[in-house]
C-alpha atoms as a PDB file:
ATOM      1  CA  MET A   1      -2.557 -26.292   8.230  1.00  0.00           C
ATOM      2  CA  PRO A   2       1.175 -27.124   7.817  1.00  0.00           C
ATOM      3  CA  THR A   3       3.676 -24.988   9.691  1.00  0.00           C
ATOM      4  CA  PRO A   4       5.499 -22.745   7.180  1.00  0.00           C
ATOM      5  CA  ALA A   5       8.902 -24.120   6.228  1.00  0.00           C
ATOM      6  CA  LYS A   6      12.021 -22.372   4.959  1.00  0.00           C
ATOM      7  CA  LEU A   7      13.441 -24.123   1.889  1.00  0.00           C
ATOM      8  CA  PRO A   8      16.426 -23.631  -0.385  1.00  0.00           C
ATOM      9  CA  VAL A   9      15.317 -23.889  -4.011  1.00  0.00           C
ATOM     10  CA  LYS A  10      17.193 -24.254  -7.270  1.00  0.00           C
ATOM     11  CA  VAL A  11      15.991 -22.041 -10.092  1.00  0.00           C
ATOM     12  CA  GLU A  12      15.248 -24.656 -12.757  1.00  0.00           C
ATOM     13  CA  SER A  13      14.270 -22.175 -15.437  1.00  0.00           C
ATOM     14  CA  VAL A  14      13.355 -18.547 -16.032  1.00  0.00           C
ATOM     15  CA  ILE A  15      10.626 -17.738 -18.555  1.00  0.00           C
ATOM     16  CA  ARG A  16      10.552 -14.203 -19.909  1.00  0.00           C
ATOM     17  CA  HIS A  17       7.046 -13.158 -20.918  1.00  0.00           C
ATOM     18  CA  THR A  18       7.554  -9.416 -21.461  1.00  0.00           C
ATOM     19  CA  ASP A  19      10.008  -6.664 -20.554  1.00  0.00           C
ATOM     20  CA  SER A  20       8.454  -6.615 -17.086  1.00  0.00           C
ATOM     21  CA  VAL A  21       6.966 -10.087 -16.465  1.00  0.00           C
ATOM     22  CA  LYS A  22       8.766 -13.379 -15.789  1.00  0.00           C
ATOM     23  CA  THR A  23       8.032 -16.838 -14.414  1.00  0.00           C
ATOM     24  CA  PHE A  24      10.450 -18.786 -12.207  1.00  0.00           C
ATOM     25  CA  ILE A  25      10.313 -22.581 -11.971  1.00  0.00           C
ATOM     26  CA  LEU A  26      11.843 -23.526  -8.605  1.00  0.00           C
ATOM     27  CA  GLN A  27      12.961 -26.987  -7.492  1.00  0.00           C
ATOM     28  CA  PRO A  28      12.810 -27.442  -3.691  1.00  0.00           C
ATOM     29  CA  LEU A  29      16.066 -28.841  -2.313  1.00  0.00           C
ATOM     30  CA  LYS A  30      14.243 -30.123   0.787  1.00  0.00           C
ATOM     31  CA  PRO A  31      10.788 -31.738   1.073  1.00  0.00           C
ATOM     32  CA  CYS A  32       8.135 -29.189   0.197  1.00  0.00           C
ATOM     33  CA  PRO A  33       5.291 -28.836   2.716  1.00  0.00           C
ATOM     34  CA  ARG A  34       1.721 -29.365   1.614  1.00  0.00           C
ATOM     35  CA  PHE A  35      -0.194 -26.278   0.581  1.00  0.00           C
ATOM     36  CA  LYS A  36      -3.604 -25.427  -0.799  1.00  0.00           C
ATOM     37  CA  PRO A  37      -4.451 -23.870  -4.164  1.00  0.00           C
ATOM     38  CA  GLY A  38      -4.506 -20.098  -3.705  1.00  0.00           C
ATOM     39  CA  GLN A  39      -1.790 -19.907  -1.058  1.00  0.00           C
ATOM     40  CA  PHE A  40       1.444 -17.957  -1.426  1.00  0.00           C
ATOM     41  CA  LEU A  41       5.145 -18.097  -0.590  1.00  0.00           C
ATOM     42  CA  HIS A  42       7.863 -15.647   0.417  1.00  0.00           C
ATOM     43  CA  PHE A  43      10.778 -15.390  -2.039  1.00  0.00           C
ATOM     44  CA  ALA A  44      14.138 -14.056  -0.814  1.00  0.00           C
ATOM     45  CA  LEU A  45      16.995 -12.845  -2.969  1.00  0.00           C
ATOM     46  CA  GLU A  46      19.705 -13.101  -0.300  1.00  0.00           C
ATOM     47  CA  THR A  47      20.970 -16.336   1.274  1.00  0.00           C
ATOM     48  CA  TYR A  48      19.180 -17.333   4.470  1.00  0.00           C
ATOM     49  CA  ASP A  49      21.335 -18.179   7.494  1.00  0.00           C
ATOM     50  CA  PRO A  50      19.320 -20.555   9.736  1.00  0.00           C
ATOM     51  CA  GLY A  51      21.080 -19.025  12.729  1.00  0.00           C
ATOM     52  CA  GLY A  52      19.971 -15.517  11.816  1.00  0.00           C
ATOM     53  CA  PHE A  53      17.001 -13.540  10.594  1.00  0.00           C
ATOM     54  CA  TRP A  54      14.967 -14.222   7.473  1.00  0.00           C
ATOM     55  CA  PRO A  55      16.183 -11.834   4.743  1.00  0.00           C
ATOM     56  CA  GLU A  56      14.049  -9.274   2.935  1.00  0.00           C
ATOM     57  CA  SER A  57      11.471 -11.024   0.772  1.00  0.00           C
ATOM     58  CA  ARG A  58       8.266 -10.505  -1.179  1.00  0.00           C
ATOM     59  CA  VAL A  59       5.149 -12.654  -1.424  1.00  0.00           C
ATOM     60  CA  PHE A  60       3.946 -14.380  -4.606  1.00  0.00           C
ATOM     61  CA  SER A  61       1.052 -16.726  -5.273  1.00  0.00           C
ATOM     62  CA  ILE A  62       2.092 -20.333  -5.840  1.00  0.00           C
ATOM     63  CA  ALA A  63       1.084 -20.868  -9.468  1.00  0.00           C
ATOM     64  CA  ASN A  64       1.059 -24.671  -9.512  1.00  0.00           C
ATOM     65  CA  SER A  65      -1.100 -27.345  -7.950  1.00  0.00           C
ATOM     66  CA  PRO A  66      -0.147 -28.982  -4.629  1.00  0.00           C
ATOM     67  CA  THR A  67      -0.428 -32.258  -6.558  1.00  0.00           C
ATOM     68  CA  ARG A  68       2.718 -31.167  -8.445  1.00  0.00           C
ATOM     69  CA  ARG A  69       4.838 -29.799  -5.632  1.00  0.00           C
ATOM     70  CA  GLY A  70       8.046 -31.382  -6.937  1.00  0.00           C
ATOM     71  CA  SER A  71       8.555 -27.884  -8.332  1.00  0.00           C
ATOM     72  CA  LEU A  72       7.130 -24.477  -7.477  1.00  0.00           C
ATOM     73  CA  ARG A  73       6.121 -21.817  -9.980  1.00  0.00           C
ATOM     74  CA  ILE A  74       5.787 -18.081  -9.437  1.00  0.00           C
ATOM     75  CA  THR A  75       4.994 -15.367 -11.966  1.00  0.00           C
ATOM     76  CA  PHE A  76       5.629 -11.716 -11.203  1.00  0.00           C
ATOM     77  CA  ALA A  77       5.576  -8.250 -12.736  1.00  0.00           C
ATOM     78  CA  VAL A  78       8.191  -5.606 -11.950  1.00  0.00           C
ATOM     79  CA  LYS A  79       6.621  -3.214  -9.449  1.00  0.00           C
ATOM     80  CA  GLY A  80       9.540  -1.810  -7.490  1.00  0.00           C
ATOM     81  CA  LYS A  81      13.209  -2.284  -6.596  1.00  0.00           C
ATOM     82  CA  PHE A  82      12.866  -5.822  -5.244  1.00  0.00           C
ATOM     83  CA  THR A  83      11.021  -7.232  -8.259  1.00  0.00           C
ATOM     84  CA  ARG A  84      13.354  -5.302 -10.580  1.00  0.00           C
ATOM     85  CA  ARG A  85      16.265  -7.131  -8.928  1.00  0.00           C
ATOM     86  CA  MET A  86      14.410 -10.428  -9.325  1.00  0.00           C
ATOM     87  CA  TYR A  87      13.886  -9.718 -13.018  1.00  0.00           C
ATOM     88  CA  GLU A  88      17.488  -8.677 -13.666  1.00  0.00           C
ATOM     89  CA  GLU A  89      19.538 -10.832 -11.267  1.00  0.00           C
ATOM     90  CA  VAL A  90      17.909 -14.262 -10.897  1.00  0.00           C
ATOM     91  CA  LYS A  91      19.221 -16.824 -13.395  1.00  0.00           C
ATOM     92  CA  ALA A  92      18.650 -20.509 -14.061  1.00  0.00           C
ATOM     93  CA  GLY A  93      20.930 -22.564 -11.814  1.00  0.00           C
ATOM     94  CA  ASP A  94      20.810 -20.091  -8.907  1.00  0.00           C
ATOM     95  CA  THR A  95      19.975 -21.224  -5.387  1.00  0.00           C
ATOM     96  CA  ARG A  96      17.517 -18.989  -3.542  1.00  0.00           C
ATOM     97  CA  TRP A  97      15.256 -19.341  -0.500  1.00  0.00           C
ATOM     98  CA  VAL A  98      11.492 -19.494  -0.035  1.00  0.00           C
ATOM     99  CA  LYS A  99       9.176 -20.044   2.908  1.00  0.00           C
ATOM    100  CA  LEU A 100       5.675 -21.437   2.617  1.00  0.00           C
ATOM    101  CA  PRO A 101       2.738 -21.896   2.822  1.00  0.00           C
ATOM    102  CA  TYR A 102       0.839 -18.751   3.766  1.00  0.00           C
ATOM    103  CA  GLY A 103      -2.596 -17.301   3.079  1.00  0.00           C
ATOM    104  CA  SER A 104      -6.279 -18.144   3.335  1.00  0.00           C
ATOM    105  CA  PHE A 105      -7.460 -17.528  -0.248  1.00  0.00           C
ATOM    106  CA  PHE A 106      -8.906 -21.028  -0.459  1.00  0.00           C
ATOM    107  CA  PHE A 107     -11.045 -22.726  -3.105  1.00  0.00           C
ATOM    108  CA  PRO A 108     -13.740 -25.362  -2.499  1.00  0.00           C
ATOM    109  CA  ASP A 109     -12.896 -28.979  -3.282  1.00  0.00           C
ATOM    110  CA  GLU A 110     -16.136 -29.123  -5.260  1.00  0.00           C
ATOM    111  CA  ALA A 111     -18.796 -26.468  -5.899  1.00  0.00           C
ATOM    112  CA  PRO A 112     -21.637 -26.294  -8.434  1.00  0.00           C
ATOM    113  CA  GLU A 113     -20.200 -23.136 -10.025  1.00  0.00           C
ATOM    114  CA  VAL A 114     -17.008 -21.139  -9.563  1.00  0.00           C
ATOM    115  CA  VAL A 115     -16.239 -17.822 -11.271  1.00  0.00           C
ATOM    116  CA  LEU A 116     -12.575 -16.740 -11.388  1.00  0.00           C
ATOM    117  CA  VAL A 117     -11.910 -13.080 -12.238  1.00  0.00           C
ATOM    118  CA  ALA A 118      -8.267 -12.169 -12.879  1.00  0.00           C
ATOM    119  CA  GLY A 119      -6.491  -8.977 -13.855  1.00  0.00           C
ATOM    120  CA  GLY A 120      -2.934  -9.295 -15.220  1.00  0.00           C
ATOM    121  CA  THR A 121      -0.664 -11.479 -13.093  1.00  0.00           C
ATOM    122  CA  GLY A 122      -3.597 -11.862 -10.697  1.00  0.00           C
ATOM    123  CA  ILE A 123      -4.268 -15.049 -12.647  1.00  0.00           C
ATOM    124  CA  THR A 124      -1.525 -16.886 -10.735  1.00  0.00           C
ATOM    125  CA  PRO A 125      -3.565 -18.318  -7.806  1.00  0.00           C
ATOM    126  CA  PHE A 126      -6.144 -19.507 -10.341  1.00  0.00           C
ATOM    127  CA  LEU A 127      -3.469 -21.498 -12.175  1.00  0.00           C
ATOM    128  CA  SER A 128      -2.936 -23.506  -9.004  1.00  0.00           C
ATOM    129  CA  TYR A 129      -6.674 -24.104  -8.638  1.00  0.00           C
ATOM    130  CA  LEU A 130      -7.188 -25.037 -12.298  1.00  0.00           C
ATOM    131  CA  GLU A 131      -4.199 -27.387 -12.355  1.00  0.00           C
ATOM    132  CA  HIS A 132      -5.544 -29.032  -9.198  1.00  0.00           C
ATOM    133  CA  ALA A 133      -8.989 -29.316 -10.829  1.00  0.00           C
ATOM    134  CA  LEU A 134      -7.401 -31.077 -13.821  1.00  0.00           C
ATOM    135  CA  ASP A 135      -5.468 -33.479 -11.597  1.00  0.00           C
ATOM    136  CA  THR A 136      -8.451 -34.351  -9.393  1.00  0.00           C
ATOM    137  CA  GLY A 137     -11.073 -34.539 -12.159  1.00  0.00           C
ATOM    138  CA  SER A 138     -13.211 -31.699 -10.825  1.00  0.00           C
ATOM    139  CA  LYS A 139     -16.842 -31.672 -11.977  1.00  0.00           C
ATOM    140  CA  SER A 140     -17.416 -28.023 -11.014  1.00  0.00           C
ATOM    141  CA  ARG A 141     -18.599 -25.535 -13.609  1.00  0.00           C
ATOM    142  CA  ILE A 142     -15.647 -23.131 -13.775  1.00  0.00           C
ATOM    143  CA  SER A 143     -15.616 -19.790 -15.583  1.00  0.00           C
ATOM    144  CA  LEU A 144     -12.454 -17.709 -15.967  1.00  0.00           C
ATOM    145  CA  ILE A 145     -12.737 -14.015 -16.800  1.00  0.00           C
ATOM    146  CA  TYR A 146      -9.256 -12.700 -17.568  1.00  0.00           C
ATOM    147  CA  GLY A 147      -8.387  -9.094 -18.360  1.00  0.00           C
ATOM    148  CA  VAL A 148      -5.070  -7.679 -19.599  1.00  0.00           C
ATOM    149  CA  ARG A 149      -3.856  -4.299 -20.858  1.00  0.00           C
ATOM    150  CA  SER A 150      -2.504  -5.568 -24.182  1.00  0.00           C
ATOM    151  CA  PRO A 151      -1.900  -8.950 -25.893  1.00  0.00           C
ATOM    152  CA  GLU A 152       1.685  -9.418 -24.672  1.00  0.00           C
ATOM    153  CA  TYR A 153       0.315  -9.602 -21.115  1.00  0.00           C
ATOM    154  CA  PHE A 154      -2.024 -12.475 -21.991  1.00  0.00           C
ATOM    155  CA  LEU A 155      -0.158 -15.332 -20.313  1.00  0.00           C
ATOM    156  CA  PHE A 156      -0.618 -19.103 -20.193  1.00  0.00           C
ATOM    157  CA  GLY A 157      -2.770 -19.492 -23.313  1.00  0.00           C
ATOM    158  CA  PRO A 158      -1.642 -23.123 -23.880  1.00  0.00           C
ATOM    159  CA  PHE A 159      -2.532 -24.029 -20.291  1.00  0.00           C
ATOM    160  CA  LEU A 160      -5.986 -22.473 -20.637  1.00  0.00           C
ATOM    161  CA  GLU A 161      -6.465 -24.545 -23.797  1.00  0.00           C
ATOM    162  CA  GLU A 162      -5.555 -27.621 -21.733  1.00  0.00           C
ATOM    163  CA  CYS A 163      -8.277 -26.623 -19.278  1.00  0.00           C
ATOM    164  CA  ARG A 164     -10.796 -26.290 -22.112  1.00  0.00           C
ATOM    165  CA  ARG A 165      -9.943 -29.817 -23.262  1.00  0.00           C
ATOM    166  CA  GLY A 166      -9.657 -31.439 -19.834  1.00  0.00           C
ATOM    167  CA  LEU A 167     -12.408 -29.807 -17.760  1.00  0.00           C
ATOM    168  CA  ALA A 168     -15.919 -30.363 -19.067  1.00  0.00           C
ATOM    169  CA  GLY A 169     -17.307 -27.433 -17.091  1.00  0.00           C
ATOM    170  CA  PHE A 170     -14.618 -24.906 -18.015  1.00  0.00           C
ATOM    171  CA  ARG A 171     -15.131 -21.804 -20.102  1.00  0.00           C
ATOM    172  CA  SER A 172     -13.201 -18.558 -20.374  1.00  0.00           C
ATOM    173  CA  ARG A 173     -13.586 -15.012 -21.601  1.00  0.00           C
ATOM    174  CA  VAL A 174     -10.608 -12.769 -22.337  1.00  0.00           C
ATOM    175  CA  PHE A 175     -10.707  -8.979 -22.215  1.00  0.00           C
ATOM    176  CA  VAL A 176      -7.896  -6.953 -23.829  1.00  0.00           C
ATOM    177  CA  GLU A 177      -8.072  -3.218 -23.243  1.00  0.00           C
ATOM    178  CA  ASP A 178      -6.768  -2.244 -26.686  1.00  0.00           C
ATOM    179  CA  GLY A 179      -8.718  -5.016 -28.437  1.00  0.00           C
ATOM    180  CA  ARG A 180      -5.790  -6.548 -30.324  1.00  0.00           C
ATOM    181  CA  PRO A 181      -5.732 -10.356 -30.826  1.00  0.00           C
ATOM    182  CA  ALA A 182      -4.225 -12.373 -27.967  1.00  0.00           C
ATOM    183  CA  GLY A 183      -3.379 -15.440 -30.064  1.00  0.00           C
ATOM    184  CA  GLU A 184      -4.673 -17.766 -32.726  1.00  0.00           C
ATOM    185  CA  GLY A 185      -8.126 -19.107 -31.936  1.00  0.00           C
ATOM    186  CA  ILE A 186      -8.554 -16.934 -28.825  1.00  0.00           C
ATOM    187  CA  GLU A 187     -11.665 -14.779 -28.881  1.00  0.00           C
ATOM    188  CA  VAL A 188     -11.039 -11.360 -27.380  1.00  0.00           C
ATOM    189  CA  THR A 189     -13.441  -8.729 -26.071  1.00  0.00           C
ATOM    190  CA  LYS A 190     -12.140  -5.174 -26.320  1.00  0.00           C
ATOM    191  CA  GLY A 191     -12.149  -3.153 -23.116  1.00  0.00           C
ATOM    192  CA  ILE A 192     -11.949  -3.758 -19.399  1.00  0.00           C
ATOM    193  CA  ILE A 193     -13.446  -6.715 -17.547  1.00  0.00           C
ATOM    194  CA  SER A 194     -17.233  -6.905 -17.513  1.00  0.00           C
ATOM    195  CA  LEU A 195     -19.337  -9.293 -15.428  1.00  0.00           C
ATOM    196  CA  ASP A 196     -22.607  -8.586 -17.266  1.00  0.00           C
ATOM    197  CA  GLU A 197     -22.891 -12.068 -18.777  1.00  0.00           C
ATOM    198  CA  MET A 198     -22.123 -13.810 -15.499  1.00  0.00           C
ATOM    199  CA  LEU A 199     -24.817 -11.830 -13.690  1.00  0.00           C
ATOM    200  CA  LYS A 200     -27.579 -12.908 -16.104  1.00  0.00           C
ATOM    201  CA  ARG A 201     -28.649 -15.882 -14.027  1.00  0.00           C
ATOM    202  CA  PRO A 202     -31.899 -17.869 -14.399  1.00  0.00           C
ATOM    203  CA  ALA A 203     -34.290 -17.583 -11.471  1.00  0.00           C
ATOM    204  CA  GLY A 204     -33.732 -20.287  -8.891  1.00  0.00           C
ATOM    205  CA  LYS A 205     -30.230 -21.188 -10.076  1.00  0.00           C
ATOM    206  CA  ALA A 206     -27.740 -21.771  -7.260  1.00  0.00           C
ATOM    207  CA  GLU A 207     -25.451 -18.831  -6.617  1.00  0.00           C
ATOM    208  CA  ALA A 208     -21.892 -19.097  -7.876  1.00  0.00           C
ATOM    209  CA  LEU A 209     -18.794 -18.481  -5.804  1.00  0.00           C
ATOM    210  CA  TYR A 210     -16.789 -15.509  -7.119  1.00  0.00           C
ATOM    211  CA  PHE A 211     -13.010 -15.259  -6.687  1.00  0.00           C
ATOM    212  CA  LEU A 212     -11.320 -11.934  -7.502  1.00  0.00           C
ATOM    213  CA  SER A 213      -7.557 -11.487  -7.946  1.00  0.00           C
ATOM    214  CA  GLY A 214      -5.639  -8.555  -9.413  1.00  0.00           C
ATOM    215  CA  PRO A 215      -5.039  -4.841  -8.857  1.00  0.00           C
ATOM    216  CA  LEU A 216      -6.774  -3.457  -5.783  1.00  0.00           C
ATOM    217  CA  ALA A 217      -8.821  -0.885  -7.733  1.00  0.00           C
ATOM    218  CA  MET A 218     -10.148  -3.646 -10.000  1.00  0.00           C
ATOM    219  CA  ILE A 219     -11.064  -5.853  -7.060  1.00  0.00           C
ATOM    220  CA  ARG A 220     -12.902  -3.069  -5.227  1.00  0.00           C
ATOM    221  CA  GLY A 221     -14.822  -2.036  -8.339  1.00  0.00           C
ATOM    222  CA  LEU A 222     -15.905  -5.576  -9.237  1.00  0.00           C
ATOM    223  CA  ARG A 223     -16.813  -6.457  -5.664  1.00  0.00           C
ATOM    224  CA  LYS A 224     -19.063  -3.384  -5.547  1.00  0.00           C
ATOM    225  CA  ILE A 225     -20.743  -4.463  -8.811  1.00  0.00           C
ATOM    226  CA  LEU A 226     -21.351  -7.967  -7.452  1.00  0.00           C
ATOM    227  CA  LEU A 227     -22.817  -6.709  -4.188  1.00  0.00           C
ATOM    228  CA  GLU A 228     -25.080  -4.258  -6.011  1.00  0.00           C
ATOM    229  CA  ALA A 229     -26.265  -7.133  -8.216  1.00  0.00           C
ATOM    230  CA  GLY A 230     -27.418  -8.993  -5.109  1.00  0.00           C
ATOM    231  CA  ILE A 231     -24.529 -11.447  -4.771  1.00  0.00           C
ATOM    232  CA  ALA A 232     -24.064 -12.338  -1.099  1.00  0.00           C
ATOM    233  CA  ALA A 233     -20.866 -11.028   0.487  1.00  0.00           C
ATOM    234  CA  GLU A 234     -19.946 -14.539   1.648  1.00  0.00           C
ATOM    235  CA  ALA A 235     -20.012 -15.732  -1.985  1.00  0.00           C
ATOM    236  CA  ILE A 236     -17.229 -13.277  -2.910  1.00  0.00           C
ATOM    237  CA  ARG A 237     -13.624 -14.193  -2.095  1.00  0.00           C
ATOM    238  CA  VAL A 238     -10.815 -11.674  -2.613  1.00  0.00           C
ATOM    239  CA  ASP A 239      -7.045 -11.992  -3.039  1.00  0.00           C
ATOM    240  CA  GLU A 240      -5.729  -8.456  -2.483  1.00  0.00           C
ATOM    241  CA  TRP A 241      -2.200  -8.918  -3.800  1.00  0.00           C
ATOM    242  CA  GLU A 242      -1.357  -5.222  -4.261  1.00  0.00           C
END
């Protein structure tokens, strides 16, 4: 595993999704270390002095594939003073600092079946995995179950359409709590995430690997459902990002 490196980055662009969610595209100004899909970085607002201490920072999943590490992408929701400052202060053209890689929320290079369950911005580590799957021609059967509070929080629709076109084994199901449409051609299920369909498995079929990312209460509830359905604990991987 590469030793984490501290890098200055230029903010290439800032994408505003909602009044509380943004994406930053960051261009490393030094060689970016290798990382694995699912890992995260530390993002600092203040300038880092190599002769001093690392400034206050927060952690964010790297939302792009290691095959495309010429830039780094993070998506975040405002959840406190630090992320409020990120939302309000960071502009395109700024230079900021990151350190990476960190984390052990890893995905298999190939597996018969992978189920990704995301709540809100918990989709970000799955973007890295899916982009990597596209770039490497993965043959895995991949299902994404993605739940959001309302349509404006449904992010990355065009990328998910790219996955539908480029990955033969990919399928997705979108849950919107208030049931409103999330975009043209996107089928929506009203309510919170349900795993009922995924747990209807033919006898003798190999067990899927389940990856859960999102709010802690969601993760704990879904993990309990999976365990009660007889899914082995080692087949459930969790990214507790809150």
